[in-house]
Amino acid sequence: METIDLGRAISPLGVAEGTPVYDPEGRRVGVVDEVSQWQGIFDGLVVHTVPLPGRHVFAAHDQLAGVYERGVRLAAGRDELREIEPPRRGRPLGDESRLEAALRRAWDRLHPPR
């Protein structure tokens, strides 16, 4: 495992856009695109993967090993992160899980109505 100095631990709500994200082995997965929260509670991170053009994936709060000043360390591997896809239509919003709701909110922020 590669050792990277990520600085001191910080609140996930304070992580900046563009902060590098690393998998458990220390390989760079991408960068933070957005912090996801619901009613002020941290849900997870939207990560833009590398190499470019990349894709957007969602790292749920329980898939993070630590959030630091200069990087985020994942507890999950890159392949375990959920790709952000268009929300499924035809289901009442109250029927979605917390993860589905977070993914829908991320999709809506990344693809605002025109």
N, C-alpha and C. Protein backbone atom coordinates (compact mmCIF):
# COMPACT_ATOMS: atom_id res chain seq x y z
N MET A 1 0.84 -1.17 0.00
CA MET A 1 0.00 0.00 0.00
C MET A 1 0.89 1.24 0.00
N GLU A 2 0.56 2.18 -0.86
CA GLU A 2 1.30 3.42 -0.95
C GLU A 2 0.93 4.34 0.21
N THR A 3 1.92 4.99 0.82
CA THR A 3 1.67 5.90 1.91
C THR A 3 1.59 7.33 1.36
N ILE A 4 0.48 7.98 1.63
CA ILE A 4 0.24 9.34 1.17
C ILE A 4 -0.10 10.19 2.38
N ASP A 5 0.55 11.36 2.51
CA ASP A 5 0.24 12.26 3.62
C ASP A 5 -1.01 13.06 3.25
N LEU A 6 -2.12 12.71 3.87
CA LEU A 6 -3.39 13.37 3.56
C LEU A 6 -3.71 14.50 4.54
N GLY A 7 -2.85 14.73 5.53
CA GLY A 7 -3.10 15.79 6.50
C GLY A 7 -3.99 15.30 7.62
N ARG A 8 -4.57 16.25 8.32
CA ARG A 8 -5.40 15.90 9.48
C ARG A 8 -6.82 15.56 9.03
N ALA A 9 -7.51 14.78 9.85
CA ALA A 9 -8.89 14.42 9.58
C ALA A 9 -9.79 15.65 9.68
N ILE A 10 -10.78 15.73 8.79
CA ILE A 10 -11.75 16.83 8.80
C ILE A 10 -13.15 16.26 8.68
N SER A 11 -14.13 17.11 8.88
CA SER A 11 -15.52 16.72 8.70
C SER A 11 -15.79 16.46 7.22
N PRO A 12 -16.54 15.43 6.90
CA PRO A 12 -16.88 15.19 5.50
C PRO A 12 -17.62 16.36 4.86
N LEU A 13 -18.34 17.13 5.67
CA LEU A 13 -19.06 18.28 5.12
C LEU A 13 -18.10 19.40 4.70
N GLY A 14 -16.85 19.34 5.18
CA GLY A 14 -15.88 20.38 4.87
C GLY A 14 -14.93 20.04 3.73
N VAL A 15 -15.09 18.87 3.12
CA VAL A 15 -14.18 18.49 2.05
C VAL A 15 -14.45 19.35 0.80
N ALA A 16 -13.38 19.80 0.16
CA ALA A 16 -13.50 20.71 -0.98
C ALA A 16 -13.65 19.96 -2.30
N GLU A 17 -14.36 20.58 -3.22
CA GLU A 17 -14.45 20.05 -4.58
C GLU A 17 -13.04 19.95 -5.15
N GLY A 18 -12.75 18.87 -5.84
CA GLY A 18 -11.43 18.67 -6.43
C GLY A 18 -10.45 17.93 -5.53
N THR A 19 -10.86 17.61 -4.30
CA THR A 19 -9.99 16.87 -3.39
C THR A 19 -9.78 15.46 -3.93
N PRO A 20 -8.54 14.97 -4.00
CA PRO A 20 -8.28 13.63 -4.52
C PRO A 20 -8.94 12.54 -3.66
N VAL A 21 -9.37 11.48 -4.33
CA VAL A 21 -9.99 10.33 -3.67
C VAL A 21 -9.14 9.10 -4.00
N TYR A 22 -8.79 8.32 -2.95
CA TYR A 22 -7.91 7.16 -3.10
C TYR A 22 -8.62 5.89 -2.66
N ASP A 23 -8.32 4.78 -3.33
CA ASP A 23 -8.89 3.50 -2.94
C ASP A 23 -8.12 2.97 -1.73
N PRO A 24 -8.53 1.84 -1.16
CA PRO A 24 -7.84 1.32 0.03
C PRO A 24 -6.35 1.04 -0.17
N GLU A 25 -5.93 0.79 -1.41
CA GLU A 25 -4.51 0.51 -1.69
C GLU A 25 -3.71 1.78 -1.98
N GLY A 26 -4.36 2.95 -1.96
CA GLY A 26 -3.65 4.20 -2.17
C GLY A 26 -3.62 4.67 -3.62
N ARG A 27 -4.34 3.99 -4.52
CA ARG A 27 -4.40 4.42 -5.92
C ARG A 27 -5.47 5.50 -6.06
N ARG A 28 -5.16 6.51 -6.85
CA ARG A 28 -6.11 7.61 -7.05
C ARG A 28 -7.28 7.13 -7.91
N VAL A 29 -8.49 7.31 -7.38
CA VAL A 29 -9.71 6.92 -8.06
C VAL A 29 -10.30 8.08 -8.84
N GLY A 30 -10.19 9.28 -8.28
CA GLY A 30 -10.77 10.47 -8.89
C GLY A 30 -10.70 11.64 -7.93
N VAL A 31 -11.65 12.55 -8.09
CA VAL A 31 -11.71 13.74 -7.23
C VAL A 31 -13.14 13.94 -6.74
N VAL A 32 -13.26 14.60 -5.61
CA VAL A 32 -14.58 14.94 -5.08
C VAL A 32 -15.23 15.95 -6.01
N ASP A 33 -16.43 15.63 -6.45
CA ASP A 33 -17.20 16.56 -7.27
C ASP A 33 -18.22 17.30 -6.43
N GLU A 34 -18.75 16.59 -5.43
CA GLU A 34 -19.77 17.21 -4.60
C GLU A 34 -19.96 16.43 -3.30
N VAL A 35 -20.29 17.15 -2.24
CA VAL A 35 -20.64 16.53 -0.97
C VAL A 35 -22.16 16.38 -0.97
N SER A 36 -22.64 15.19 -0.69
CA SER A 36 -24.08 14.93 -0.68
C SER A 36 -24.58 14.89 0.75
N GLN A 37 -25.62 15.67 1.00
CA GLN A 37 -26.24 15.66 2.33
C GLN A 37 -27.74 15.78 2.17
N TRP A 38 -28.43 15.28 3.16
CA TRP A 38 -29.88 15.33 3.19
C TRP A 38 -30.30 15.87 4.53
N GLN A 39 -31.01 16.97 4.52
CA GLN A 39 -31.45 17.64 5.73
C GLN A 39 -30.29 17.88 6.69
N GLY A 40 -29.15 18.30 6.13
CA GLY A 40 -27.97 18.62 6.92
C GLY A 40 -27.16 17.43 7.39
N ILE A 41 -27.55 16.22 7.00
CA ILE A 41 -26.83 15.01 7.41
C ILE A 41 -26.03 14.49 6.23
N PHE A 42 -24.76 14.22 6.45
CA PHE A 42 -23.86 13.74 5.41
C PHE A 42 -24.32 12.38 4.88
N ASP A 43 -24.47 12.28 3.54
CA ASP A 43 -24.86 11.04 2.86
C ASP A 43 -23.67 10.32 2.26
N GLY A 44 -22.79 11.10 1.62
CA GLY A 44 -21.67 10.52 0.91
C GLY A 44 -21.06 11.55 -0.03
N LEU A 45 -20.25 11.06 -0.96
CA LEU A 45 -19.56 11.95 -1.89
C LEU A 45 -19.83 11.54 -3.33
N VAL A 46 -20.02 12.53 -4.19
CA VAL A 46 -20.06 12.29 -5.63
C VAL A 46 -18.61 12.44 -6.09
N VAL A 47 -18.09 11.38 -6.73
CA VAL A 47 -16.69 11.35 -7.16
C VAL A 47 -16.65 11.31 -8.68
N HIS A 48 -15.83 12.20 -9.26
CA HIS A 48 -15.57 12.16 -10.70
C HIS A 48 -14.31 11.34 -10.89
N THR A 49 -14.44 10.20 -11.57
CA THR A 49 -13.33 9.26 -11.69
C THR A 49 -12.31 9.72 -12.73
N VAL A 50 -11.11 9.17 -12.61
CA VAL A 50 -10.05 9.35 -13.59
C VAL A 50 -9.74 8.00 -14.18
N PRO A 51 -9.18 7.89 -15.38
CA PRO A 51 -8.78 8.99 -16.25
C PRO A 51 -9.99 9.64 -16.91
N LEU A 52 -9.76 10.86 -17.39
CA LEU A 52 -10.82 11.61 -18.05
C LEU A 52 -11.18 10.94 -19.36
N PRO A 53 -12.39 10.97 -19.84
CA PRO A 53 -13.46 11.81 -19.34
C PRO A 53 -14.08 11.32 -18.05
N GLY A 54 -13.85 10.09 -17.64
CA GLY A 54 -14.35 9.59 -16.36
C GLY A 54 -15.86 9.47 -16.32
N ARG A 55 -16.33 9.22 -15.13
CA ARG A 55 -17.77 9.10 -14.88
C ARG A 55 -18.02 9.54 -13.45
N HIS A 56 -19.27 9.72 -13.11
CA HIS A 56 -19.62 10.10 -11.74
C HIS A 56 -20.10 8.86 -11.00
N VAL A 57 -19.53 8.66 -9.80
CA VAL A 57 -19.93 7.56 -8.94
C VAL A 57 -20.24 8.13 -7.56
N PHE A 58 -20.97 7.35 -6.79
CA PHE A 58 -21.37 7.78 -5.45
C PHE A 58 -20.69 6.91 -4.41
N ALA A 59 -19.97 7.54 -3.50
CA ALA A 59 -19.34 6.85 -2.37
C ALA A 59 -20.18 7.16 -1.14
N ALA A 60 -20.95 6.18 -0.69
CA ALA A 60 -21.81 6.37 0.49
C ALA A 60 -20.94 6.56 1.73
N HIS A 61 -21.52 7.14 2.76
CA HIS A 61 -20.78 7.45 3.99
C HIS A 61 -20.08 6.22 4.56
N ASP A 62 -20.71 5.04 4.43
CA ASP A 62 -20.09 3.84 4.99
C ASP A 62 -19.02 3.22 4.08
N GLN A 63 -18.78 3.84 2.92
CA GLN A 63 -17.72 3.38 2.02
C GLN A 63 -16.46 4.23 2.15
N LEU A 64 -16.46 5.14 3.13
CA LEU A 64 -15.31 6.02 3.35
C LEU A 64 -14.52 5.55 4.57
N ALA A 65 -13.22 5.45 4.42
CA ALA A 65 -12.36 5.09 5.55
C ALA A 65 -11.94 6.35 6.31
N GLY A 66 -11.83 7.47 5.61
CA GLY A 66 -11.44 8.72 6.26
C GLY A 66 -11.47 9.89 5.30
N VAL A 67 -11.75 11.06 5.85
CA VAL A 67 -11.77 12.30 5.08
C VAL A 67 -10.74 13.22 5.72
N TYR A 68 -9.81 13.71 4.91
CA TYR A 68 -8.68 14.48 5.41
C TYR A 68 -8.53 15.77 4.61
N GLU A 69 -7.66 16.65 5.08
CA GLU A 69 -7.42 17.94 4.44
C GLU A 69 -7.06 17.81 2.96
N ARG A 70 -6.21 16.82 2.64
CA ARG A 70 -5.68 16.72 1.28
C ARG A 70 -6.10 15.44 0.55
N GLY A 71 -7.14 14.79 1.03
CA GLY A 71 -7.58 13.60 0.34
C GLY A 71 -8.63 12.82 1.10
N VAL A 72 -9.29 11.94 0.37
CA VAL A 72 -10.29 11.05 0.93
C VAL A 72 -9.81 9.62 0.69
N ARG A 73 -9.87 8.81 1.72
CA ARG A 73 -9.49 7.40 1.61
C ARG A 73 -10.77 6.57 1.66
N LEU A 74 -10.97 5.73 0.63
CA LEU A 74 -12.13 4.87 0.57
C LEU A 74 -11.90 3.58 1.36
N ALA A 75 -12.97 3.07 1.94
CA ALA A 75 -12.93 1.74 2.55
C ALA A 75 -13.34 0.70 1.53
N ALA A 76 -13.98 1.15 0.46
CA ALA A 76 -14.47 0.27 -0.61
C ALA A 76 -13.61 0.44 -1.85
N GLY A 77 -13.58 -0.58 -2.67
CA GLY A 77 -12.86 -0.49 -3.94
C GLY A 77 -13.65 0.30 -4.97
N ARG A 78 -12.96 0.75 -5.98
CA ARG A 78 -13.57 1.54 -7.05
C ARG A 78 -14.80 0.85 -7.65
N ASP A 79 -14.73 -0.46 -7.84
CA ASP A 79 -15.83 -1.19 -8.46
C ASP A 79 -17.05 -1.33 -7.55
N GLU A 80 -16.89 -1.04 -6.28
CA GLU A 80 -18.01 -1.14 -5.34
C GLU A 80 -18.83 0.15 -5.27
N LEU A 81 -18.33 1.24 -5.87
CA LEU A 81 -19.05 2.50 -5.84
C LEU A 81 -20.17 2.47 -6.86
N ARG A 82 -21.29 3.10 -6.53
CA ARG A 82 -22.47 3.10 -7.41
C ARG A 82 -22.35 4.18 -8.47
N GLU A 83 -22.51 3.80 -9.74
CA GLU A 83 -22.51 4.78 -10.81
C GLU A 83 -23.80 5.58 -10.70
N ILE A 84 -23.69 6.88 -10.93
CA ILE A 84 -24.87 7.74 -10.86
C ILE A 84 -25.57 7.66 -12.21
N GLU A 85 -26.79 7.17 -12.15
CA GLU A 85 -27.61 6.97 -13.34
C GLU A 85 -28.90 7.77 -13.20
N PRO A 86 -29.60 7.95 -14.31
CA PRO A 86 -30.90 8.65 -14.20
C PRO A 86 -31.81 7.91 -13.23
N PRO A 87 -32.58 8.65 -12.44
CA PRO A 87 -33.49 8.00 -11.50
C PRO A 87 -34.56 7.19 -12.23
N ARG A 88 -34.99 6.11 -11.59
CA ARG A 88 -36.07 5.31 -12.17
C ARG A 88 -37.37 6.08 -12.02
N ARG A 89 -38.11 6.14 -13.08
CA ARG A 89 -39.38 6.86 -13.07
C ARG A 89 -40.52 5.91 -12.72
N GLY A 90 -41.63 6.47 -12.27
CA GLY A 90 -42.81 5.67 -12.02
C GLY A 90 -42.96 5.18 -10.60
N ARG A 91 -41.98 5.48 -9.72
CA ARG A 91 -42.09 5.08 -8.32
C ARG A 91 -42.28 6.33 -7.47
N PRO A 92 -43.17 6.30 -6.51
CA PRO A 92 -43.29 7.45 -5.60
C PRO A 92 -41.98 7.68 -4.86
N LEU A 93 -41.61 8.95 -4.65
CA LEU A 93 -40.34 9.27 -4.00
C LEU A 93 -40.23 8.65 -2.62
N GLY A 94 -41.31 8.50 -1.90
CA GLY A 94 -41.27 7.93 -0.57
C GLY A 94 -40.89 6.45 -0.55
N ASP A 95 -40.95 5.80 -1.70
CA ASP A 95 -40.64 4.37 -1.77
C ASP A 95 -39.16 4.09 -2.01
N GLU A 96 -38.35 5.11 -2.19
CA GLU A 96 -36.94 4.87 -2.48
C GLU A 96 -36.13 4.74 -1.20
N SER A 97 -35.04 3.98 -1.28
CA SER A 97 -34.16 3.82 -0.12
C SER A 97 -33.35 5.11 0.07
N ARG A 98 -32.66 5.19 1.19
CA ARG A 98 -31.82 6.37 1.45
C ARG A 98 -30.74 6.50 0.38
N LEU A 99 -30.14 5.38 -0.05
CA LEU A 99 -29.13 5.42 -1.10
C LEU A 99 -29.74 5.87 -2.42
N GLU A 100 -30.91 5.34 -2.77
CA GLU A 100 -31.56 5.76 -4.01
C GLU A 100 -31.89 7.26 -3.97
N ALA A 101 -32.32 7.75 -2.83
CA ALA A 101 -32.63 9.17 -2.70
C ALA A 101 -31.37 10.01 -2.88
N ALA A 102 -30.25 9.57 -2.30
CA ALA A 102 -28.99 10.31 -2.44
C ALA A 102 -28.53 10.30 -3.89
N LEU A 103 -28.66 9.16 -4.56
CA LEU A 103 -28.27 9.07 -5.97
C LEU A 103 -29.17 9.96 -6.83
N ARG A 104 -30.46 9.99 -6.54
CA ARG A 104 -31.38 10.85 -7.30
C ARG A 104 -31.02 12.31 -7.12
N ARG A 105 -30.74 12.72 -5.87
CA ARG A 105 -30.37 14.12 -5.62
C ARG A 105 -29.08 14.47 -6.36
N ALA A 106 -28.11 13.55 -6.35
CA ALA A 106 -26.84 13.80 -7.06
C ALA A 106 -27.10 13.93 -8.56
N TRP A 107 -27.93 13.05 -9.11
CA TRP A 107 -28.26 13.12 -10.53
C TRP A 107 -28.90 14.47 -10.85
N ASP A 108 -29.87 14.89 -10.04
CA ASP A 108 -30.56 16.14 -10.29
C ASP A 108 -29.62 17.33 -10.23
N ARG A 109 -28.61 17.30 -9.34
CA ARG A 109 -27.65 18.41 -9.27
C ARG A 109 -26.70 18.38 -10.44
N LEU A 110 -26.33 17.19 -10.91
CA LEU A 110 -25.41 17.09 -12.05
C LEU A 110 -26.11 17.35 -13.38
N HIS A 111 -27.42 17.11 -13.44
CA HIS A 111 -28.18 17.27 -14.68
C HIS A 111 -29.43 18.12 -14.39
N PRO A 112 -29.26 19.43 -14.13
CA PRO A 112 -30.41 20.26 -13.81
C PRO A 112 -31.36 20.38 -15.01
N PRO A 113 -32.66 20.59 -14.76
CA PRO A 113 -33.59 20.77 -15.86
C PRO A 113 -33.23 22.01 -16.66
N ARG A 114 -33.48 21.95 -17.93
CA ARG A 114 -33.14 23.10 -18.81
C ARG A 114 -34.28 24.04 -18.93
